[in-house]
Amino acid sequence: MYTLTCLGRVVVTVGAALVLATGLSTSAQAATGHLAYRSTNGEELTLDNPHNGECFLLVSGARRADNNSDTRATFYEEPGDCESPVVGTLQPRTARSFEGGTIPRSVKFG
C-alpha cells in the first residue's frame, strides 16, 4: 500500500511539473532579434527581443525603422497607444522610411 501511495505522489508531481513547464514556455513569447529605428531627433534607438502583443513607445517617433526580428511589427500613430490608426507594418527582416508621411510613435509585435 505504501508503494502505491508513493508512486501516486511521484506521478502527480511529474505531471504538475510538465504542465507548469509547457504552460510557462508558451505564455511569454518574444520576437527574436531587434527593431532599430532613427527618431525624429536623429537618435539611433533599438528594441531588443520585444515581447509579442506589448505596446512599445517609439521615443520621439520613428523616421526610419529596420525590423531585424523574426516577427511582424505594426506601427501606430499615437504614442503608447497601439489602438490608434495604423501607420504601417514591417514584415521580419525588412525596413521602411516614414519620411514625408505620418510618423509612427508606437509599435507592437506579433
Protein backbone atom coordinates (compact mmCIF):
# COMPACT_ATOMS: atom_id res chain seq x y z
CA MET A 1 0.00 0.00 0.00
CA TYR A 2 2.84 2.38 0.88
CA THR A 3 4.46 1.74 -2.55
CA LEU A 4 1.25 2.66 -4.42
CA THR A 5 0.83 5.87 -2.39
CA CYS A 6 4.43 6.87 -3.05
CA LEU A 7 4.11 6.03 -6.75
CA GLY A 8 0.91 8.11 -6.97
CA ARG A 9 2.65 11.11 -5.46
CA VAL A 10 5.52 10.78 -7.92
CA VAL A 11 3.11 10.63 -10.88
CA VAL A 12 1.20 13.70 -9.67
CA THR A 13 4.43 15.63 -9.08
CA VAL A 14 5.85 14.80 -12.51
CA GLY A 15 2.53 15.64 -14.18
CA ALA A 16 2.32 19.00 -12.42
CA ALA A 17 5.90 19.80 -13.39
CA LEU A 18 5.15 19.06 -17.05
CA VAL A 19 2.05 21.25 -17.05
CA LEU A 20 3.97 24.12 -15.48
CA ALA A 21 6.91 23.77 -17.85
CA THR A 22 4.84 23.67 -21.04
CA GLY A 23 2.38 26.31 -19.86
CA LEU A 24 5.08 28.82 -18.96
CA SER A 25 7.11 28.31 -22.12
CA THR A 26 4.27 29.44 -24.41
CA SER A 27 2.97 32.33 -22.30
CA ALA A 28 5.93 34.72 -22.60
CA GLN A 29 6.84 34.73 -26.28
CA ALA A 30 9.04 37.43 -27.67
CA ALA A 31 10.29 38.39 -31.08
CA THR A 32 13.84 37.16 -31.56
CA GLY A 33 16.06 39.96 -32.77
CA HIS A 34 15.61 43.72 -32.60
CA LEU A 35 13.92 46.75 -34.07
CA ALA A 36 16.35 49.54 -34.89
CA TYR A 37 14.92 52.98 -35.61
CA ARG A 38 16.00 56.56 -36.17
CA SER A 39 13.94 59.04 -34.15
CA THR A 40 12.82 62.44 -35.41
CA ASN A 41 15.69 63.85 -33.31
CA GLY A 42 18.20 61.78 -35.30
CA GLU A 43 18.91 59.35 -32.46
CA GLU A 44 19.57 55.68 -33.29
CA LEU A 45 17.50 53.54 -30.90
CA THR A 46 16.86 49.80 -30.52
CA LEU A 47 14.24 47.49 -29.00
CA ASP A 48 15.83 44.11 -28.24
CA ASN A 49 13.74 40.91 -28.24
CA PRO A 50 10.42 42.76 -27.74
CA HIS A 51 7.52 40.79 -26.24
CA ASN A 52 4.71 39.96 -28.65
CA GLY A 53 1.45 41.80 -28.01
CA GLU A 54 3.05 44.53 -25.88
CA CYS A 55 2.85 48.17 -27.00
CA PHE A 56 6.20 49.98 -27.13
CA LEU A 57 6.67 53.74 -27.24
CA LEU A 58 8.97 54.94 -30.02
CA VAL A 59 10.89 57.79 -28.37
CA SER A 60 10.31 60.97 -30.46
CA GLY A 61 8.70 58.86 -33.21
CA ALA A 62 10.43 56.91 -35.98
CA ARG A 63 11.62 58.39 -39.26
CA ARG A 64 13.04 55.03 -40.34
CA ALA A 65 12.67 51.53 -38.93
CA ASP A 66 14.55 48.28 -39.56
CA ASN A 67 12.73 45.18 -38.34
CA ASN A 68 15.62 42.81 -37.70
CA SER A 69 13.41 40.34 -35.82
CA ASP A 70 11.52 37.18 -36.74
CA THR A 71 8.09 38.75 -36.08
CA ARG A 72 5.86 41.27 -37.91
CA ALA A 73 5.89 44.81 -36.43
CA THR A 74 2.82 47.06 -36.63
CA PHE A 75 3.31 50.82 -36.24
CA TYR A 76 0.74 53.21 -34.76
CA GLU A 77 0.20 56.96 -34.88
CA GLU A 78 -0.28 57.80 -31.18
CA PRO A 79 2.46 57.45 -28.53
CA GLY A 80 1.97 54.43 -26.28
CA ASP A 81 -1.43 53.64 -27.85
CA CYS A 82 -1.39 50.59 -30.07
CA GLU A 83 -5.05 51.06 -30.94
CA SER A 84 -4.78 54.33 -32.85
CA PRO A 85 -4.66 54.38 -36.66
CA VAL A 86 -2.09 52.00 -38.12
CA VAL A 87 0.74 53.80 -39.91
CA GLY A 88 2.16 50.62 -41.45
CA THR A 89 3.58 47.17 -40.89
CA LEU A 90 7.00 45.68 -41.41
CA GLN A 91 7.47 42.02 -42.08
CA PRO A 92 10.51 40.33 -40.49
CA ARG A 93 13.89 41.42 -41.88
CA THR A 94 12.52 44.45 -43.76
CA ALA A 95 12.97 48.22 -43.44
CA ARG A 96 10.94 51.33 -44.18
CA SER A 97 11.29 55.11 -44.18
CA PHE A 98 8.41 57.17 -42.79
CA GLU A 99 9.78 60.47 -44.17
CA GLY A 100 7.11 62.59 -45.81
CA GLY A 101 4.23 60.75 -44.17
CA THR A 102 2.73 60.07 -40.77
CA ILE A 103 5.44 59.41 -38.18
CA PRO A 104 4.72 56.33 -36.05
CA ARG A 105 5.01 56.78 -32.28
CA SER A 106 4.24 53.23 -31.09
CA VAL A 107 4.91 49.67 -32.24
CA LYS A 108 3.57 46.23 -31.40
CA PHE A 109 4.96 42.84 -32.44
CA GLY A 110 3.04 39.70 -33.26
